[in-house]
Amino acid sequence: MQNRFSELLDEFRSVLGGRLIDAILPPLLFLIANAIWGLQTAMWTALGLSIILGIRRITRGESLTYGLLGVLSVLLAIGLVTLLGRAESFFLPGLISGGLTVALCFISLLIKRPLTAWSSFISRRWTLDWYWHPRIRPAYTETTLLWTLFFGLKFWWQLALYQGGDAENLAWVQTLTGWPALIILLVITYLYGTWRLRNLQGPSIEEFDQKIPAPWQGQQRGF
């Protein structure tokens, strides 16, 4: 059990890196500041925090990619609030990206190139053809179905709140169904995916690359 927990921590460090702080803190601060001081203060407070996080990355010699994305997303949200004059518009970029994620899940399943396989390929750079092996792809197809259900329900819930102009509850829902829920989804995806790969008895990535014939030992770690 302890080894499994350590394995999960190692996987999250390699896949997620340092992007959690940049993604979680600005929307959370907006939520709190909006409740206490109002919309205008909340917008600029969230932007200020995003800039501070970016400066922190510079001083620590870390990658600026996620920090810059955080600042740009907050600037986009502020622009939408200013343009549309609705507090809930601050969360419109997240709503749009959620809808696009659902669409990508559906399309990837239709063309039999599941989204979780692409996500794994981008983060791990394993051989792409390995994911489409008949004893490998089912694990990624099934986890993509799970992603489709999660992101579909999240999008429907947020869309209903946005159309109802319920900025406060939309903020809470987007925060709770953001990284906190996504981490749980990724844990389930990893645990189910690694279990499914073992049961499918397909080749590991090393066995596939070296063209080792069956029977295979299979992928023991990583998804």
Protein backbone atom coordinates (compact mmCIF):
# COMPACT_ATOMS: atom_id res chain seq x y z
CA MET A 1 0.00 0.00 0.00
CA GLN A 2 2.81 2.41 0.91
CA ASN A 3 4.66 1.57 -2.32
CA ARG A 4 1.48 2.24 -4.30
CA PHE A 5 1.06 5.62 -2.60
CA SER A 6 4.69 6.55 -3.33
CA GLU A 7 4.19 5.49 -6.95
CA LEU A 8 1.17 7.79 -7.24
CA LEU A 9 3.11 10.72 -5.77
CA ASP A 10 5.97 10.18 -8.20
CA GLU A 11 3.57 10.00 -11.13
CA PHE A 12 1.81 13.23 -10.13
CA ARG A 13 5.11 15.04 -9.76
CA SER A 14 6.17 14.01 -13.25
CA VAL A 15 2.81 14.64 -14.94
CA LEU A 16 1.49 17.72 -13.13
CA GLY A 17 4.72 19.41 -12.13
CA GLY A 18 4.17 22.84 -10.58
CA ARG A 19 1.01 23.85 -12.40
CA LEU A 20 -1.40 23.31 -9.49
CA ILE A 21 -0.62 26.51 -7.58
CA ASP A 22 -0.97 28.69 -10.69
CA ALA A 23 -4.31 27.08 -11.55
CA ILE A 24 -5.93 26.94 -8.10
CA LEU A 25 -4.97 30.10 -6.19
CA PRO A 26 -6.12 32.96 -8.49
CA PRO A 27 -9.72 31.67 -8.96
CA LEU A 28 -9.91 30.84 -5.24
CA LEU A 29 -8.74 34.34 -4.30
CA PHE A 30 -11.27 35.83 -6.75
CA LEU A 31 -14.02 33.85 -5.05
CA ILE A 32 -13.07 35.11 -1.58
CA ALA A 33 -12.37 38.72 -2.61
CA ASN A 34 -15.63 38.95 -4.58
CA ALA A 35 -17.61 37.89 -1.50
CA ILE A 36 -15.84 40.42 0.74
CA TRP A 37 -14.97 43.46 -1.40
CA GLY A 38 -16.93 43.08 -4.64
CA LEU A 39 -16.25 42.28 -8.28
CA GLN A 40 -13.76 44.98 -9.26
CA THR A 41 -11.45 44.34 -6.30
CA ALA A 42 -11.73 40.59 -6.84
CA MET A 43 -10.66 40.84 -10.49
CA TRP A 44 -7.56 42.92 -9.85
CA THR A 45 -6.63 40.93 -6.74
CA ALA A 46 -6.69 37.71 -8.76
CA LEU A 47 -4.57 39.34 -11.48
CA GLY A 48 -2.10 40.63 -8.88
CA LEU A 49 -1.71 37.16 -7.41
CA SER A 50 -1.11 35.66 -10.87
CA ILE A 51 1.66 38.19 -11.49
CA ILE A 52 3.21 37.49 -8.07
CA LEU A 53 3.23 33.76 -8.84
CA GLY A 54 4.95 34.50 -12.15
CA ILE A 55 7.59 36.63 -10.42
CA ARG A 56 8.07 33.85 -7.86
CA ARG A 57 8.83 31.43 -10.68
CA ILE A 58 11.39 33.83 -12.16
CA THR A 59 13.22 34.26 -8.86
CA ARG A 60 13.30 30.48 -8.32
CA GLY A 61 14.46 29.74 -11.86
CA GLU A 62 11.33 27.69 -12.64
CA SER A 63 9.44 27.37 -15.91
CA LEU A 64 7.22 30.36 -16.68
CA THR A 65 4.82 28.41 -18.89
CA TYR A 66 2.09 27.79 -16.33
CA GLY A 67 2.61 31.15 -14.65
CA LEU A 68 2.12 32.97 -17.98
CA LEU A 69 -0.93 30.86 -18.79
CA GLY A 70 -2.36 31.79 -15.39
CA VAL A 71 -1.84 35.53 -15.99
CA LEU A 72 -3.28 35.32 -19.52
CA SER A 73 -6.35 33.38 -18.36
CA VAL A 74 -7.06 35.95 -15.62
CA LEU A 75 -6.60 38.82 -18.13
CA LEU A 76 -9.01 37.10 -20.51
CA ALA A 77 -11.52 36.62 -17.70
CA ILE A 78 -11.26 40.31 -16.71
CA GLY A 79 -11.78 41.31 -20.34
CA LEU A 80 -14.93 39.19 -20.57
CA VAL A 81 -16.32 40.62 -17.33
CA THR A 82 -15.66 44.17 -18.56
CA LEU A 83 -17.15 43.45 -21.99
CA LEU A 84 -20.23 41.53 -20.85
CA GLY A 85 -20.77 43.29 -17.52
CA ARG A 86 -21.55 40.03 -15.70
CA ALA A 87 -19.59 38.70 -12.72
CA GLU A 88 -20.08 35.11 -13.83
CA SER A 89 -18.20 35.92 -17.06
CA PHE A 90 -14.96 35.63 -15.05
CA PHE A 91 -15.50 31.87 -15.20
CA LEU A 92 -16.46 31.78 -18.90
CA PRO A 93 -12.95 30.71 -20.10
CA GLY A 94 -13.16 27.67 -17.83
CA LEU A 95 -16.65 26.90 -19.11
CA ILE A 96 -15.50 27.12 -22.73
CA SER A 97 -12.42 24.93 -22.11
CA GLY A 98 -14.66 22.40 -20.37
CA GLY A 99 -16.96 22.24 -23.37
CA LEU A 100 -14.00 21.79 -25.70
CA THR A 101 -12.69 18.97 -23.51
CA VAL A 102 -16.02 17.14 -23.77
CA ALA A 103 -15.96 17.57 -27.55
CA LEU A 104 -12.39 16.26 -27.74
CA CYS A 105 -13.36 13.22 -25.66
CA PHE A 106 -16.23 12.39 -28.02
CA ILE A 107 -14.17 12.92 -31.17
CA SER A 108 -11.24 10.87 -29.86
CA LEU A 109 -13.58 7.97 -29.08
CA LEU A 110 -15.22 8.17 -32.51
CA ILE A 111 -11.88 7.96 -34.33
CA LYS A 112 -10.61 5.29 -31.90
CA ARG A 113 -7.74 7.43 -30.65
CA PRO A 114 -8.81 8.02 -27.02
CA LEU A 115 -7.95 11.31 -25.33
CA THR A 116 -6.28 9.75 -22.28
CA ALA A 117 -3.79 8.10 -24.63
CA TRP A 118 -2.91 11.48 -26.15
CA SER A 119 -2.63 12.99 -22.66
CA SER A 120 -0.23 10.22 -21.64
CA PHE A 121 1.77 10.57 -24.86
CA ILE A 122 2.20 14.34 -24.40
CA SER A 123 3.41 14.00 -20.81
CA ARG A 124 5.51 10.83 -21.18
CA ARG A 125 6.58 10.78 -24.84
CA TRP A 126 6.17 7.02 -25.11
CA THR A 127 5.98 5.50 -28.60
CA LEU A 128 2.64 6.63 -30.03
CA ASP A 129 1.86 3.37 -31.85
CA TRP A 130 2.03 1.48 -28.54
CA TYR A 131 -1.19 3.18 -27.41
CA TRP A 132 -3.09 1.79 -30.42
CA HIS A 133 -2.06 -1.83 -29.80
CA PRO A 134 -5.24 -3.98 -29.52
CA ARG A 135 -4.23 -5.10 -26.01
CA ILE A 136 -3.43 -1.55 -24.89
CA ARG A 137 -6.04 0.75 -26.44
CA PRO A 138 -9.06 -0.64 -24.51
CA ALA A 139 -7.61 0.68 -21.23
CA TYR A 140 -7.36 4.18 -22.69
CA THR A 141 -10.78 3.94 -24.32
CA GLU A 142 -12.43 3.03 -21.03
CA THR A 143 -10.67 5.79 -19.08
CA THR A 144 -11.65 8.27 -21.80
CA LEU A 145 -15.27 7.24 -21.30
CA LEU A 146 -14.81 8.07 -17.62
CA TRP A 147 -13.37 11.48 -18.57
CA THR A 148 -16.31 12.10 -20.91
CA LEU A 149 -18.78 11.45 -18.10
CA PHE A 150 -16.89 13.67 -15.63
CA PHE A 151 -16.34 16.63 -17.94
CA GLY A 152 -19.82 16.30 -19.44
CA LEU A 153 -21.54 16.52 -16.05
CA LYS A 154 -19.22 19.36 -14.99
CA PHE A 155 -19.97 21.34 -18.17
CA TRP A 156 -23.73 20.83 -17.88
CA TRP A 157 -23.74 21.95 -14.22
CA GLN A 158 -21.64 25.05 -14.86
CA LEU A 159 -23.62 25.99 -17.97
CA ALA A 160 -26.88 25.87 -16.00
CA LEU A 161 -25.41 28.17 -13.32
CA TYR A 162 -23.96 30.55 -15.92
CA GLN A 163 -27.26 30.85 -17.77
CA GLY A 164 -28.98 31.49 -14.44
CA GLY A 165 -26.53 34.29 -13.62
CA ASP A 166 -25.51 32.58 -10.37
CA ALA A 167 -21.93 33.88 -10.11
CA GLU A 168 -21.37 32.85 -6.48
CA ASN A 169 -22.36 29.21 -6.89
CA LEU A 170 -20.62 29.07 -10.28
CA ALA A 171 -17.42 30.16 -8.55
CA TRP A 172 -17.73 27.43 -5.94
CA VAL A 173 -18.62 24.76 -8.48
CA GLN A 174 -15.76 25.68 -10.82
CA THR A 175 -13.30 25.74 -7.92
CA LEU A 176 -14.40 22.40 -6.43
CA THR A 177 -14.73 20.65 -9.81
CA GLY A 178 -11.41 22.12 -10.93
CA TRP A 179 -8.10 20.76 -9.62
CA PRO A 180 -9.50 19.14 -6.44
CA ALA A 181 -11.89 16.96 -8.46
CA LEU A 182 -9.42 16.59 -11.32
CA ILE A 183 -6.80 15.14 -8.98
CA ILE A 184 -9.32 12.51 -7.85
CA LEU A 185 -10.17 11.79 -11.50
CA LEU A 186 -6.49 11.36 -12.35
CA VAL A 187 -5.95 9.02 -9.39
CA ILE A 188 -8.90 6.85 -10.48
CA THR A 189 -7.69 6.97 -14.08
CA TYR A 190 -4.20 5.87 -13.09
CA LEU A 191 -5.29 3.09 -10.73
CA TYR A 192 -7.90 1.69 -13.12
CA GLY A 193 -5.68 2.16 -16.16
CA THR A 194 -2.66 0.34 -14.71
CA TRP A 195 -4.93 -2.46 -13.43
CA ARG A 196 -6.59 -2.75 -16.86
CA LEU A 197 -3.26 -2.87 -18.69
CA ARG A 198 -2.13 -5.77 -16.53
CA ASN A 199 -5.38 -7.63 -17.21
CA LEU A 200 -5.20 -7.02 -20.95
CA GLN A 201 -1.77 -8.71 -20.91
CA GLY A 202 -0.38 -6.51 -23.64
CA PRO A 203 3.29 -5.57 -24.05
CA SER A 204 5.02 -3.00 -21.89
CA ILE A 205 6.37 0.04 -23.68
CA GLU A 206 9.88 -1.46 -23.54
CA GLU A 207 8.68 -4.83 -24.89
CA PHE A 208 6.81 -3.04 -27.69
CA ASP A 209 9.81 -0.91 -28.65
CA GLN A 210 12.11 -3.95 -28.65
CA LYS A 211 9.52 -6.00 -30.61
CA ILE A 212 9.55 -8.79 -28.02
CA PRO A 213 6.94 -11.47 -28.89
CA ALA A 214 4.17 -12.64 -26.57
CA PRO A 215 3.77 -13.67 -23.81
CA TRP A 216 4.58 -10.28 -22.33
CA GLN A 217 5.35 -9.15 -18.83
CA GLY A 218 3.21 -6.08 -19.47
CA GLN A 219 3.32 -2.47 -18.29
CA GLN A 220 3.87 -2.49 -14.54
CA ARG A 221 4.08 1.23 -13.88
CA GLY A 222 2.86 4.36 -15.60
CA PHE A 223 -0.26 5.06 -17.59
